[in-house]
C-alpha atoms as a PDB file:
ATOM      1  CA  UNK A   1     -24.897 -28.598 -91.780  1.00  0.00           C
ATOM      2  CA  UNK A   2     -24.232 -31.011 -93.800  1.00  0.00           C
ATOM      3  CA  UNK A   3     -26.280 -34.458 -93.322  1.00  0.00           C
ATOM      4  CA  UNK A   4     -23.689 -37.877 -93.680  1.00  0.00           C
ATOM      5  CA  UNK A   5     -25.870 -41.045 -94.742  1.00  0.00           C
ATOM      6  CA  UNK A   6     -23.407 -43.382 -95.859  1.00  0.00           C
ATOM      7  CA  UNK A   7     -22.225 -45.260 -93.513  1.00  0.00           C
ATOM      8  CA  UNK A   8     -24.221 -47.970 -90.955  1.00  0.00           C
ATOM      9  CA  UNK A   9     -22.712 -47.572 -88.209  1.00  0.00           C
ATOM     10  CA  UNK A  10     -20.815 -44.923 -86.017  1.00  0.00           C
ATOM     11  CA  UNK A  11     -18.187 -45.436 -84.729  1.00  0.00           C
ATOM     12  CA  UNK A  12     -17.073 -42.883 -81.222  1.00  0.00           C
ATOM     13  CA  UNK A  13     -13.467 -42.610 -80.361  1.00  0.00           C
ATOM     14  CA  UNK A  14     -10.243 -43.945 -81.866  1.00  0.00           C
ATOM     15  CA  UNK A  15      -8.343 -45.735 -79.518  1.00  0.00           C
ATOM     16  CA  UNK A  16      -8.071 -49.327 -78.876  1.00  0.00           C
ATOM     17  CA  UNK A  17     -11.433 -50.398 -78.328  1.00  0.00           C
ATOM     18  CA  UNK A  18     -12.796 -48.266 -81.794  1.00  0.00           C
ATOM     19  CA  UNK A  19      -9.769 -48.934 -83.688  1.00  0.00           C
ATOM     20  CA  UNK A  20     -10.575 -52.847 -83.083  1.00  0.00           C
ATOM     21  CA  UNK A  21     -14.268 -52.263 -83.675  1.00  0.00           C
ATOM     22  CA  UNK A  22     -13.305 -50.680 -86.869  1.00  0.00           C
ATOM     23  CA  UNK A  23     -11.509 -53.474 -88.211  1.00  0.00           C
ATOM     24  CA  UNK A  24     -14.059 -56.144 -87.515  1.00  0.00           C
ATOM     25  CA  UNK A  25     -16.718 -54.285 -88.522  1.00  0.00           C
ATOM     26  CA  UNK A  26     -14.546 -53.121 -92.162  1.00  0.00           C
ATOM     27  CA  UNK A  27     -13.799 -56.940 -92.206  1.00  0.00           C
ATOM     28  CA  UNK A  28     -17.512 -58.264 -92.075  1.00  0.00           C
ATOM     29  CA  UNK A  29     -18.065 -55.528 -95.098  1.00  0.00           C
ATOM     30  CA  UNK A  30     -19.762 -52.937 -92.953  1.00  0.00           C
ATOM     31  CA  UNK A  31     -17.706 -49.682 -93.412  1.00  0.00           C
ATOM     32  CA  UNK A  32     -18.126 -48.106 -90.076  1.00  0.00           C
ATOM     33  CA  UNK A  33     -17.380 -44.262 -89.846  1.00  0.00           C
ATOM     34  CA  UNK A  34     -14.603 -43.749 -86.653  1.00  0.00           C
ATOM     35  CA  UNK A  35     -15.067 -39.852 -85.433  1.00  0.00           C
ATOM     36  CA  UNK A  36     -11.326 -39.564 -83.977  1.00  0.00           C
ATOM     37  CA  UNK A  37     -12.752 -36.769 -81.046  1.00  0.00           C
ATOM     38  CA  UNK A  38     -10.136 -33.962 -79.913  1.00  0.00           C
ATOM     39  CA  UNK A  39      -7.593 -36.450 -78.884  1.00  0.00           C
ATOM     40  CA  UNK A  40      -7.031 -39.597 -81.563  1.00  0.00           C
ATOM     41  CA  UNK A  41      -5.491 -42.287 -80.818  1.00  0.00           C
ATOM     42  CA  UNK A  42      -7.161 -41.633 -77.252  1.00  0.00           C
ATOM     43  CA  UNK A  43      -4.600 -41.797 -74.172  1.00  0.00           C
ATOM     44  CA  UNK A  44      -1.845 -43.867 -75.770  1.00  0.00           C
ATOM     45  CA  UNK A  45      -0.874 -41.292 -77.603  1.00  0.00           C
ATOM     46  CA  UNK A  46       0.344 -39.326 -74.612  1.00  0.00           C
ATOM     47  CA  UNK A  47       2.364 -42.509 -73.748  1.00  0.00           C
ATOM     48  CA  UNK A  48       5.592 -43.262 -74.818  1.00  0.00           C
ATOM     49  CA  UNK A  49       7.108 -46.679 -74.743  1.00  0.00           C
ATOM     50  CA  UNK A  50       4.498 -49.377 -74.247  1.00  0.00           C
ATOM     51  CA  UNK A  51       5.816 -52.343 -73.328  1.00  0.00           C
ATOM     52  CA  UNK A  52       3.147 -54.604 -72.185  1.00  0.00           C
ATOM     53  CA  UNK A  53       1.082 -54.318 -75.730  1.00  0.00           C
ATOM     54  CA  UNK A  54       1.138 -58.265 -76.876  1.00  0.00           C
ATOM     55  CA  UNK A  55       3.284 -58.759 -80.503  1.00  0.00           C
ATOM     56  CA  UNK A  56       5.629 -55.962 -79.514  1.00  0.00           C
ATOM     57  CA  UNK A  57       8.885 -57.917 -78.064  1.00  0.00           C
ATOM     58  CA  UNK A  58      10.906 -54.628 -77.850  1.00  0.00           C
ATOM     59  CA  UNK A  59       7.692 -52.309 -76.980  1.00  0.00           C
ATOM     60  CA  UNK A  60       6.813 -49.971 -78.967  1.00  0.00           C
ATOM     61  CA  UNK A  61       5.717 -45.777 -78.683  1.00  0.00           C
ATOM     62  CA  UNK A  62       2.062 -45.296 -78.079  1.00  0.00           C
ATOM     63  CA  UNK A  63       1.396 -42.845 -81.018  1.00  0.00           C
ATOM     64  CA  UNK A  64       2.765 -45.675 -83.156  1.00  0.00           C
ATOM     65  CA  UNK A  65       0.734 -48.213 -81.768  1.00  0.00           C
ATOM     66  CA  UNK A  66      -2.375 -46.126 -82.504  1.00  0.00           C
ATOM     67  CA  UNK A  67      -0.968 -45.096 -86.073  1.00  0.00           C
ATOM     68  CA  UNK A  68      -0.700 -48.768 -87.022  1.00  0.00           C
ATOM     69  CA  UNK A  69      -3.926 -49.885 -85.625  1.00  0.00           C
ATOM     70  CA  UNK A  70      -5.624 -47.569 -87.400  1.00  0.00           C
ATOM     71  CA  UNK A  71      -4.114 -47.873 -90.697  1.00  0.00           C
ATOM     72  CA  UNK A  72      -4.985 -51.655 -90.349  1.00  0.00           C
ATOM     73  CA  UNK A  73      -9.078 -50.723 -89.810  1.00  0.00           C
ATOM     74  CA  UNK A  74      -7.996 -48.013 -93.270  1.00  0.00           C
ATOM     75  CA  UNK A  75      -6.918 -50.827 -94.605  1.00  0.00           C
ATOM     76  CA  UNK A  76      -9.945 -53.098 -94.922  1.00  0.00           C
ATOM     77  CA  UNK A  77     -12.014 -49.788 -95.211  1.00  0.00           C
ATOM     78  CA  UNK A  78     -12.866 -48.468 -92.569  1.00  0.00           C
ATOM     79  CA  UNK A  79     -13.196 -44.496 -92.720  1.00  0.00           C
ATOM     80  CA  UNK A  80     -11.713 -42.360 -89.588  1.00  0.00           C
ATOM     81  CA  UNK A  81     -12.814 -38.414 -89.856  1.00  0.00           C
ATOM     82  CA  UNK A  82     -11.054 -35.739 -87.513  1.00  0.00           C
ATOM     83  CA  UNK A  83     -14.581 -34.987 -85.885  1.00  0.00           C
ATOM     84  CA  UNK A  84     -15.835 -34.457 -82.543  1.00  0.00           C
ATOM     85  CA  UNK A  85     -19.127 -35.114 -81.249  1.00  0.00           C
ATOM     86  CA  UNK A  86     -21.443 -32.400 -79.845  1.00  0.00           C
ATOM     87  CA  UNK A  87     -24.886 -34.161 -79.237  1.00  0.00           C
ATOM     88  CA  UNK A  88     -26.136 -37.775 -79.760  1.00  0.00           C
ATOM     89  CA  UNK A  89     -29.470 -38.566 -80.780  1.00  0.00           C
ATOM     90  CA  UNK A  90     -30.295 -42.497 -80.032  1.00  0.00           C
ATOM     91  CA  UNK A  91     -33.895 -42.058 -79.527  1.00  0.00           C
ATOM     92  CA  UNK A  92     -34.957 -41.452 -83.141  1.00  0.00           C
ATOM     93  CA  UNK A  93     -34.056 -43.399 -86.124  1.00  0.00           C
ATOM     94  CA  UNK A  94     -31.674 -43.797 -87.597  1.00  0.00           C
ATOM     95  CA  UNK A  95     -29.649 -42.242 -84.705  1.00  0.00           C
ATOM     96  CA  UNK A  96     -28.427 -38.789 -85.588  1.00  0.00           C
ATOM     97  CA  UNK A  97     -24.718 -38.168 -83.960  1.00  0.00           C
ATOM     98  CA  UNK A  98     -23.976 -34.085 -84.581  1.00  0.00           C
ATOM     99  CA  UNK A  99     -20.340 -32.807 -84.999  1.00  0.00           C
ATOM    100  CA  UNK A 100     -19.348 -29.128 -85.004  1.00  0.00           C
ATOM    101  CA  UNK A 101     -20.620 -29.091 -88.635  1.00  0.00           C
ATOM    102  CA  UNK A 102     -21.946 -32.229 -89.666  1.00  0.00           C
ATOM    103  CA  UNK A 103     -24.580 -34.668 -88.883  1.00  0.00           C
ATOM    104  CA  UNK A 104     -24.281 -38.643 -89.162  1.00  0.00           C
ATOM    105  CA  UNK A 105     -27.044 -41.130 -89.790  1.00  0.00           C
ATOM    106  CA  UNK A 106     -26.270 -44.521 -88.775  1.00  0.00           C
ATOM    107  CA  UNK A 107     -28.295 -47.550 -87.898  1.00  0.00           C
ATOM    108  CA  UNK A 108     -25.806 -48.135 -85.348  1.00  0.00           C
ATOM    109  CA  UNK A 109     -23.659 -46.900 -82.680  1.00  0.00           C
ATOM    110  CA  UNK A 110     -20.646 -48.201 -80.510  1.00  0.00           C
ATOM    111  CA  UNK A 111     -19.656 -46.225 -78.175  1.00  0.00           C
ATOM    112  CA  UNK A 112     -16.124 -46.210 -77.780  1.00  0.00           C
ATOM    113  CA  UNK A 113     -14.955 -42.643 -76.066  1.00  0.00           C
ATOM    114  CA  UNK A 114     -12.888 -43.642 -73.661  1.00  0.00           C
ATOM    115  CA  UNK A 115     -12.215 -42.179 -70.287  1.00  0.00           C
ATOM    116  CA  UNK A 116      -9.995 -39.276 -68.976  1.00  0.00           C
ATOM    117  CA  UNK A 117      -7.880 -39.312 -66.406  1.00  0.00           C
ATOM    118  CA  UNK A 118      -8.152 -36.262 -63.661  1.00  0.00           C
ATOM    119  CA  UNK A 119      -5.293 -34.055 -63.457  1.00  0.00           C
ATOM    120  CA  UNK A 120      -3.964 -31.625 -61.796  1.00  0.00           C
ATOM    121  CA  UNK A 121      -4.527 -28.631 -63.773  1.00  0.00           C
ATOM    122  CA  UNK A 122      -0.502 -27.060 -63.467  1.00  0.00           C
ATOM    123  CA  UNK A 123       1.446 -26.267 -67.071  1.00  0.00           C
ATOM    124  CA  UNK A 124       4.530 -28.206 -66.319  1.00  0.00           C
ATOM    125  CA  UNK A 125       2.350 -31.476 -65.649  1.00  0.00           C
ATOM    126  CA  UNK A 126       0.972 -31.752 -69.103  1.00  0.00           C
ATOM    127  CA  UNK A 127       4.313 -30.885 -70.648  1.00  0.00           C
ATOM    128  CA  UNK A 128       5.833 -33.661 -68.916  1.00  0.00           C
ATOM    129  CA  UNK A 129       3.429 -36.229 -69.647  1.00  0.00           C
ATOM    130  CA  UNK A 130       4.739 -39.144 -71.121  1.00  0.00           C
ATOM    131  CA  UNK A 131       8.011 -38.549 -69.939  1.00  0.00           C
ATOM    132  CA  UNK A 132       7.858 -39.063 -65.884  1.00  0.00           C
ATOM    133  CA  UNK A 133       4.364 -37.455 -65.741  1.00  0.00           C
ATOM    134  CA  UNK A 134       1.800 -41.075 -65.635  1.00  0.00           C
ATOM    135  CA  UNK A 135      -2.089 -41.913 -64.591  1.00  0.00           C
ATOM    136  CA  UNK A 136      -1.564 -45.182 -64.937  1.00  0.00           C
ATOM    137  CA  UNK A 137       1.474 -47.089 -62.367  1.00  0.00           C
ATOM    138  CA  UNK A 138       0.820 -50.738 -64.211  1.00  0.00           C
ATOM    139  CA  UNK A 139       1.479 -48.984 -67.872  1.00  0.00           C
ATOM    140  CA  UNK A 140       5.107 -46.951 -66.350  1.00  0.00           C
ATOM    141  CA  UNK A 141       6.076 -48.644 -63.363  1.00  0.00           C
ATOM    142  CA  UNK A 142       8.376 -51.113 -64.961  1.00  0.00           C
ATOM    143  CA  UNK A 143      10.650 -47.603 -66.266  1.00  0.00           C
ATOM    144  CA  UNK A 144      10.804 -46.428 -63.077  1.00  0.00           C
ATOM    145  CA  UNK A 145      12.969 -49.019 -61.339  1.00  0.00           C
ATOM    146  CA  UNK A 146      15.159 -48.022 -58.754  1.00  0.00           C
ATOM    147  CA  UNK A 147      13.755 -44.266 -58.731  1.00  0.00           C
ATOM    148  CA  UNK A 148      11.982 -42.104 -56.503  1.00  0.00           C
ATOM    149  CA  UNK A 149       8.355 -41.117 -57.295  1.00  0.00           C
ATOM    150  CA  UNK A 150       5.550 -39.595 -56.159  1.00  0.00           C
ATOM    151  CA  UNK A 151       1.880 -40.234 -56.188  1.00  0.00           C
ATOM    152  CA  UNK A 152      -0.875 -37.719 -55.822  1.00  0.00           C
ATOM    153  CA  UNK A 153      -4.215 -38.657 -54.249  1.00  0.00           C
ATOM    154  CA  UNK A 154      -5.742 -39.944 -50.898  1.00  0.00           C
ATOM    155  CA  UNK A 155      -8.339 -42.856 -52.343  1.00  0.00           C
ATOM    156  CA  UNK A 156      -8.064 -46.334 -53.008  1.00  0.00           C
ATOM    157  CA  UNK A 157      -7.024 -45.894 -56.135  1.00  0.00           C
ATOM    158  CA  UNK A 158      -3.920 -43.907 -55.317  1.00  0.00           C
ATOM    159  CA  UNK A 159      -3.001 -46.783 -51.998  1.00  0.00           C
ATOM    160  CA  UNK A 160      -3.175 -49.550 -54.990  1.00  0.00           C
ATOM    161  CA  UNK A 161      -0.640 -47.605 -57.232  1.00  0.00           C
ATOM    162  CA  UNK A 162       1.767 -46.492 -54.776  1.00  0.00           C
ATOM    163  CA  UNK A 163       2.334 -49.991 -53.454  1.00  0.00           C
ATOM    164  CA  UNK A 164       2.190 -51.739 -57.047  1.00  0.00           C
ATOM    165  CA  UNK A 165       4.639 -49.350 -57.492  1.00  0.00           C
ATOM    166  CA  UNK A 166       7.021 -50.082 -54.561  1.00  0.00           C
ATOM    167  CA  UNK A 167       7.712 -53.467 -56.907  1.00  0.00           C
ATOM    168  CA  UNK A 168      10.304 -51.219 -58.941  1.00  0.00           C
ATOM    169  CA  UNK A 169      10.784 -48.217 -57.027  1.00  0.00           C
ATOM    170  CA  UNK A 170      13.307 -47.481 -54.309  1.00  0.00           C
ATOM    171  CA  UNK A 171      10.790 -44.864 -52.523  1.00  0.00           C
ATOM    172  CA  UNK A 172       7.425 -44.104 -53.168  1.00  0.00           C
ATOM    173  CA  UNK A 173       5.831 -40.684 -51.571  1.00  0.00           C
ATOM    174  CA  UNK A 174       2.094 -40.130 -51.232  1.00  0.00           C
ATOM    175  CA  UNK A 175       1.093 -36.167 -51.160  1.00  0.00           C
ATOM    176  CA  UNK A 176      -2.775 -36.009 -50.516  1.00  0.00           C
ATOM    177  CA  UNK A 177      -4.452 -32.349 -50.199  1.00  0.00           C
ATOM    178  CA  UNK A 178      -6.093 -33.041 -47.169  1.00  0.00           C
ATOM    179  CA  UNK A 179      -5.697 -34.290 -43.387  1.00  0.00           C
ATOM    180  CA  UNK A 180      -6.856 -37.513 -43.940  1.00  0.00           C
ATOM    181  CA  UNK A 181      -6.676 -40.238 -46.874  1.00  0.00           C
ATOM    182  CA  UNK A 182      -9.636 -41.496 -48.168  1.00  0.00           C
ATOM    183  CA  UNK A 183      -9.180 -45.136 -49.126  1.00  0.00           C
ATOM    184  CA  UNK A 184     -10.555 -47.739 -47.935  1.00  0.00           C
ATOM    185  CA  UNK A 185      -9.218 -48.583 -44.039  1.00  0.00           C
ATOM    186  CA  UNK A 186      -7.644 -51.915 -45.572  1.00  0.00           C
ATOM    187  CA  UNK A 187      -5.932 -49.953 -48.355  1.00  0.00           C
ATOM    188  CA  UNK A 188      -4.407 -47.423 -45.995  1.00  0.00           C
ATOM    189  CA  UNK A 189      -3.403 -49.895 -43.871  1.00  0.00           C
ATOM    190  CA  UNK A 190      -1.287 -51.738 -46.824  1.00  0.00           C
ATOM    191  CA  UNK A 191      -0.166 -48.691 -48.079  1.00  0.00           C
ATOM    192  CA  UNK A 192       1.313 -47.072 -44.135  1.00  0.00           C
ATOM    193  CA  UNK A 193       2.987 -50.715 -43.443  1.00  0.00           C
ATOM    194  CA  UNK A 194       4.605 -50.927 -46.993  1.00  0.00           C
ATOM    195  CA  UNK A 195       8.351 -49.348 -45.790  1.00  0.00           C
ATOM    196  CA  UNK A 196       8.967 -47.740 -49.285  1.00  0.00           C
ATOM    197  CA  UNK A 197       6.324 -45.179 -48.809  1.00  0.00           C
ATOM    198  CA  UNK A 198       6.082 -41.933 -47.280  1.00  0.00           C
ATOM    199  CA  UNK A 199       2.965 -39.724 -46.174  1.00  0.00           C
ATOM    200  CA  UNK A 200       3.325 -35.864 -46.938  1.00  0.00           C
ATOM    201  CA  UNK A 201      -0.517 -34.772 -45.769  1.00  0.00           C
ATOM    202  CA  UNK A 202      -2.102 -31.368 -46.695  1.00  0.00           C
ATOM    203  CA  UNK A 203      -0.038 -31.161 -49.430  1.00  0.00           C
ATOM    204  CA  UNK A 204      -0.292 -30.167 -53.139  1.00  0.00           C
ATOM    205  CA  UNK A 205       2.091 -30.150 -56.237  1.00  0.00           C
ATOM    206  CA  UNK A 206       2.324 -26.700 -57.245  1.00  0.00           C
ATOM    207  CA  UNK A 207       5.249 -27.461 -60.052  1.00  0.00           C
ATOM    208  CA  UNK A 208       6.833 -30.577 -61.990  1.00  0.00           C
ATOM    209  CA  UNK A 209      10.387 -29.685 -62.343  1.00  0.00           C
ATOM    210  CA  UNK A 210      12.098 -31.355 -65.206  1.00  0.00           C
ATOM    211  CA  UNK A 211      12.342 -31.269 -69.462  1.00  0.00           C
ATOM    212  CA  UNK A 212      11.440 -33.890 -71.835  1.00  0.00           C
ATOM    213  CA  UNK A 213      14.968 -34.844 -72.083  1.00  0.00           C
ATOM    214  CA  UNK A 214      15.532 -34.989 -68.506  1.00  0.00           C
ATOM    215  CA  UNK A 215      12.639 -36.217 -67.597  1.00  0.00           C
ATOM    216  CA  UNK A 216      11.266 -35.243 -63.939  1.00  0.00           C
ATOM    217  CA  UNK A 217      13.789 -34.196 -61.743  1.00  0.00           C
ATOM    218  CA  UNK A 218      11.699 -33.040 -58.743  1.00  0.00           C
ATOM    219  CA  UNK A 219       8.657 -31.224 -57.367  1.00  0.00           C
ATOM    220  CA  UNK A 220       7.510 -28.216 -55.543  1.00  0.00           C
ATOM    221  CA  UNK A 221       5.084 -28.833 -53.253  1.00  0.00           C
ATOM    222  CA  UNK A 222       3.035 -26.600 -51.116  1.00  0.00           C
ATOM    223  CA  UNK A 223       1.815 -27.421 -47.669  1.00  0.00           C
ATOM    224  CA  UNK A 224      -1.734 -26.315 -47.483  1.00  0.00           C
ATOM    225  CA  UNK A 225      -1.791 -25.571 -43.744  1.00  0.00           C
ATOM    226  CA  UNK A 226       1.511 -23.334 -43.461  1.00  0.00           C
ATOM    227  CA  UNK A 227       2.063 -22.106 -47.615  1.00  0.00           C
ATOM    228  CA  UNK A 228       5.273 -22.974 -47.166  1.00  0.00           C
ATOM    229  CA  UNK A 229       6.873 -24.307 -50.421  1.00  0.00           C
ATOM    230  CA  UNK A 230       9.386 -26.950 -50.292  1.00  0.00           C
ATOM    231  CA  UNK A 231      12.025 -28.369 -53.571  1.00  0.00           C
ATOM    232  CA  UNK A 232      11.333 -32.268 -53.410  1.00  0.00           C
ATOM    233  CA  UNK A 233      13.958 -34.541 -55.563  1.00  0.00           C
ATOM    234  CA  UNK A 234      11.825 -37.295 -57.337  1.00  0.00           C
ATOM    235  CA  UNK A 235      11.973 -39.239 -61.080  1.00  0.00           C
ATOM    236  CA  UNK A 236       8.712 -39.475 -61.190  1.00  0.00           C
ATOM    237  CA  UNK A 237       4.689 -38.430 -61.214  1.00  0.00           C
ATOM    238  CA  UNK A 238       1.962 -40.660 -61.088  1.00  0.00           C
ATOM    239  CA  UNK A 239      -1.435 -38.627 -60.412  1.00  0.00           C
ATOM    240  CA  UNK A 240      -4.045 -41.539 -59.027  1.00  0.00           C
ATOM    241  CA  UNK A 241      -6.895 -38.627 -58.593  1.00  0.00           C
ATOM    242  CA  UNK A 242      -9.314 -40.838 -60.317  1.00  0.00           C
ATOM    243  CA  UNK A 243     -10.360 -40.531 -63.571  1.00  0.00           C
ATOM    244  CA  UNK A 244     -13.658 -39.274 -65.627  1.00  0.00           C
ATOM    245  CA  UNK A 245     -15.781 -41.336 -68.294  1.00  0.00           C
ATOM    246  CA  UNK A 246     -16.384 -39.415 -71.549  1.00  0.00           C
ATOM    247  CA  UNK A 247     -20.174 -39.855 -71.558  1.00  0.00           C
ATOM    248  CA  UNK A 248     -21.478 -36.231 -71.512  1.00  0.00           C
ATOM    249  CA  UNK A 249     -23.256 -36.427 -75.178  1.00  0.00           C
ATOM    250  CA  UNK A 250     -24.767 -40.011 -73.868  1.00  0.00           C
ATOM    251  CA  UNK A 251     -26.420 -39.153 -70.476  1.00  0.00           C
ATOM    252  CA  UNK A 252     -29.943 -38.898 -70.540  1.00  0.00           C
ATOM    253  CA  UNK A 253     -30.242 -41.447 -73.101  1.00  0.00           C
ATOM    254  CA  UNK A 254     -28.018 -44.356 -72.152  1.00  0.00           C
ATOM    255  CA  UNK A 255     -28.429 -45.971 -68.551  1.00  0.00           C
ATOM    256  CA  UNK A 256     -24.767 -44.805 -66.650  1.00  0.00           C
ATOM    257  CA  UNK A 257     -23.739 -46.068 -63.539  1.00  0.00           C
ATOM    258  CA  UNK A 258     -23.115 -43.806 -60.317  1.00  0.00           C
ATOM    259  CA  UNK A 259     -19.679 -43.184 -61.605  1.00  0.00           C
ATOM    260  CA  UNK A 260     -21.162 -42.239 -65.194  1.00  0.00           C
ATOM    261  CA  UNK A 261     -19.723 -45.257 -67.082  1.00  0.00           C
ATOM    262  CA  UNK A 262     -22.259 -46.840 -69.886  1.00  0.00           C
ATOM    263  CA  UNK A 263     -23.780 -49.854 -68.557  1.00  0.00           C
ATOM    264  CA  UNK A 264     -23.869 -52.874 -70.736  1.00  0.00           C
ATOM    265  CA  UNK A 265     -25.630 -56.365 -70.227  1.00  0.00           C
ATOM    266  CA  UNK A 266     -24.108 -59.370 -68.298  1.00  0.00           C
ATOM    267  CA  UNK A 267     -21.207 -61.186 -70.742  1.00  0.00           C
ATOM    268  CA  UNK A 268     -22.170 -58.488 -73.872  1.00  0.00           C
ATOM    269  CA  UNK A 269     -21.542 -54.739 -75.477  1.00  0.00           C
ATOM    270  CA  UNK A 270     -25.373 -54.115 -75.113  1.00  0.00           C
ATOM    271  CA  UNK A 271     -26.803 -51.174 -73.910  1.00  0.00           C
ATOM    272  CA  UNK A 272     -30.375 -50.076 -72.672  1.00  0.00           C
ATOM    273  CA  UNK A 273     -31.360 -49.009 -76.734  1.00  0.00           C
ATOM    274  CA  UNK A 274     -31.195 -51.893 -79.408  1.00  0.00           C
ATOM    275  CA  UNK A 275     -28.504 -50.511 -81.662  1.00  0.00           C
ATOM    276  CA  UNK A 276     -26.446 -49.278 -79.731  1.00  0.00           C
ATOM    277  CA  UNK A 277     -23.014 -51.128 -78.010  1.00  0.00           C
ATOM    278  CA  UNK A 278     -20.091 -49.734 -75.795  1.00  0.00           C
ATOM    279  CA  UNK A 279     -16.885 -50.380 -75.265  1.00  0.00           C
ATOM    280  CA  UNK A 280     -13.284 -50.175 -73.739  1.00  0.00           C
ATOM    281  CA  UNK A 281     -12.333 -47.350 -71.191  1.00  0.00           C
ATOM    282  CA  UNK A 282     -16.111 -45.442 -71.303  1.00  0.00           C
ATOM    283  CA  UNK A 283     -17.302 -49.186 -69.551  1.00  0.00           C
ATOM    284  CA  UNK A 284     -14.229 -50.094 -67.781  1.00  0.00           C
ATOM    285  CA  UNK A 285     -13.152 -48.510 -64.448  1.00  0.00           C
ATOM    286  CA  UNK A 286     -11.172 -51.375 -63.352  1.00  0.00           C
ATOM    287  CA  UNK A 287      -8.668 -53.086 -65.852  1.00  0.00           C
ATOM    288  CA  UNK A 288      -8.449 -49.768 -68.417  1.00  0.00           C
ATOM    289  CA  UNK A 289      -5.745 -51.004 -70.403  1.00  0.00           C
ATOM    290  CA  UNK A 290      -5.324 -51.202 -73.717  1.00  0.00           C
ATOM    291  CA  UNK A 291      -5.657 -54.872 -74.029  1.00  0.00           C
ATOM    292  CA  UNK A 292      -8.464 -54.882 -72.758  1.00  0.00           C
ATOM    293  CA  UNK A 293     -10.104 -52.121 -74.379  1.00  0.00           C
ATOM    294  CA  UNK A 294      -9.114 -53.893 -77.779  1.00  0.00           C
ATOM    295  CA  UNK A 295     -11.271 -57.207 -76.492  1.00  0.00           C
ATOM    296  CA  UNK A 296     -13.930 -55.356 -75.923  1.00  0.00           C
ATOM    297  CA  UNK A 297     -14.273 -53.191 -79.487  1.00  0.00           C
ATOM    298  CA  UNK A 298     -13.636 -57.007 -81.030  1.00  0.00           C
ATOM    299  CA  UNK A 299     -16.755 -57.858 -78.575  1.00  0.00           C
ATOM    300  CA  UNK A 300     -18.271 -54.871 -79.740  1.00  0.00           C
ATOM    301  CA  UNK A 301     -18.123 -55.018 -83.675  1.00  0.00           C
ATOM    302  CA  UNK A 302     -19.099 -59.379 -83.205  1.00  0.00           C
ATOM    303  CA  UNK A 303     -22.528 -58.075 -81.631  1.00  0.00           C
ATOM    304  CA  UNK A 304     -23.089 -54.788 -83.411  1.00  0.00           C
ATOM    305  CA  UNK A 305     -22.925 -57.207 -87.212  1.00  0.00           C
ATOM    306  CA  UNK A 306     -25.141 -59.929 -85.694  1.00  0.00           C
ATOM    307  CA  UNK A 307     -27.227 -57.255 -84.756  1.00  0.00           C
ATOM    308  CA  UNK A 308     -27.663 -55.330 -88.165  1.00  0.00           C
ATOM    309  CA  UNK A 309     -27.468 -59.290 -90.026  1.00  0.00           C
ATOM    310  CA  UNK A 310     -29.767 -61.347 -88.362  1.00  0.00           C
ATOM    311  CA  UNK A 311     -33.045 -58.719 -88.423  1.00  0.00           C
ATOM    312  CA  UNK A 312     -31.770 -56.368 -86.079  1.00  0.00           C
ATOM    313  CA  UNK A 313     -32.726 -58.927 -83.350  1.00  0.00           C
ATOM    314  CA  UNK A 314     -30.524 -57.419 -80.213  1.00  0.00           C
ATOM    315  CA  UNK A 315     -31.929 -59.949 -77.806  1.00  0.00           C
ATOM    316  CA  UNK A 316     -30.257 -63.470 -79.021  1.00  0.00           C
ATOM    317  CA  UNK A 317     -30.131 -64.426 -75.375  1.00  0.00           C
ATOM    318  CA  UNK A 318     -33.837 -63.915 -74.589  1.00  0.00           C
ATOM    319  CA  UNK A 319     -34.687 -66.409 -77.847  1.00  0.00           C
ATOM    320  CA  UNK A 320     -32.442 -68.816 -76.638  1.00  0.00           C
ATOM    321  CA  UNK A 321     -34.467 -69.427 -73.403  1.00  0.00           C
ATOM    322  CA  UNK A 322     -37.829 -69.116 -75.286  1.00  0.00           C
ATOM    323  CA  UNK A 323     -38.348 -65.065 -74.144  1.00  0.00           C
ATOM    324  CA  UNK A 324     -39.554 -62.622 -77.436  1.00  0.00           C
ATOM    325  CA  UNK A 325     -36.604 -60.532 -78.699  1.00  0.00           C
ATOM    326  CA  UNK A 326     -37.103 -57.032 -78.474  1.00  0.00           C
ATOM    327  CA  UNK A 327     -36.064 -54.738 -81.848  1.00  0.00           C
END
């Protein structure tokens, strides 16, 4: 197994958070290596039009935006490696990050591994991602003006997404596999009182109809009690059954919340282990936007630079209050 030692900082993840962290660290002459993972560029690479990222008044394709972010970081020296992290040891110095063929040693680590939207797991869903199948109403709702769309899910996120989508769509149908919704009472009432929202319960989507040329044209929906399958006309499918943070390699080392997201110290990107910083969707289960991920990527890089540069002091807020710093 090849041991790589020449990088002070390893960044795990190559989405907006990881690329922004790489840009800032490179400009500070702390040349980082970005381990891209199985999906270089993160979730934006399966998004078509991005119209809510500042600086692009005509919009930009998701993959193109991530390519530009990567090139900007590379311009200042950041190194991108197509490596998928399998194991991390944060209990020794230097840290050890193991991929399928290499071991990277580093003084500091930035976790920007993101979160993955939970999917229905059907082949046609995967084939039409970005062509009418979406996992983010805030990102893509604008493209469904005047259309009939479906939201799958029964929790607060599904009710919130459906309610938001009524600003654009003529009709929103919520499909849930159980006979009762899991959402909080107030979120249920808000959705149920909206004249644009209908409900189909005890049912699941078994197939997404359409093509990349036409987009989504319809769905096959099966009633789980009767087994009956119906064809349903729809021009969009939003899957809102939750997100899973990509934190498996950090379990047992970094402090995670009850949903598995990395916990950071207030007003910072510092984790419970000095020298380890976290940013982007791996810490954020509220906003989950490219711009907010990029912002916390900047924060992580600045925190990391200060930690490395200033004698590896991690508790600068403690110093301000007269407490002893922990290294």
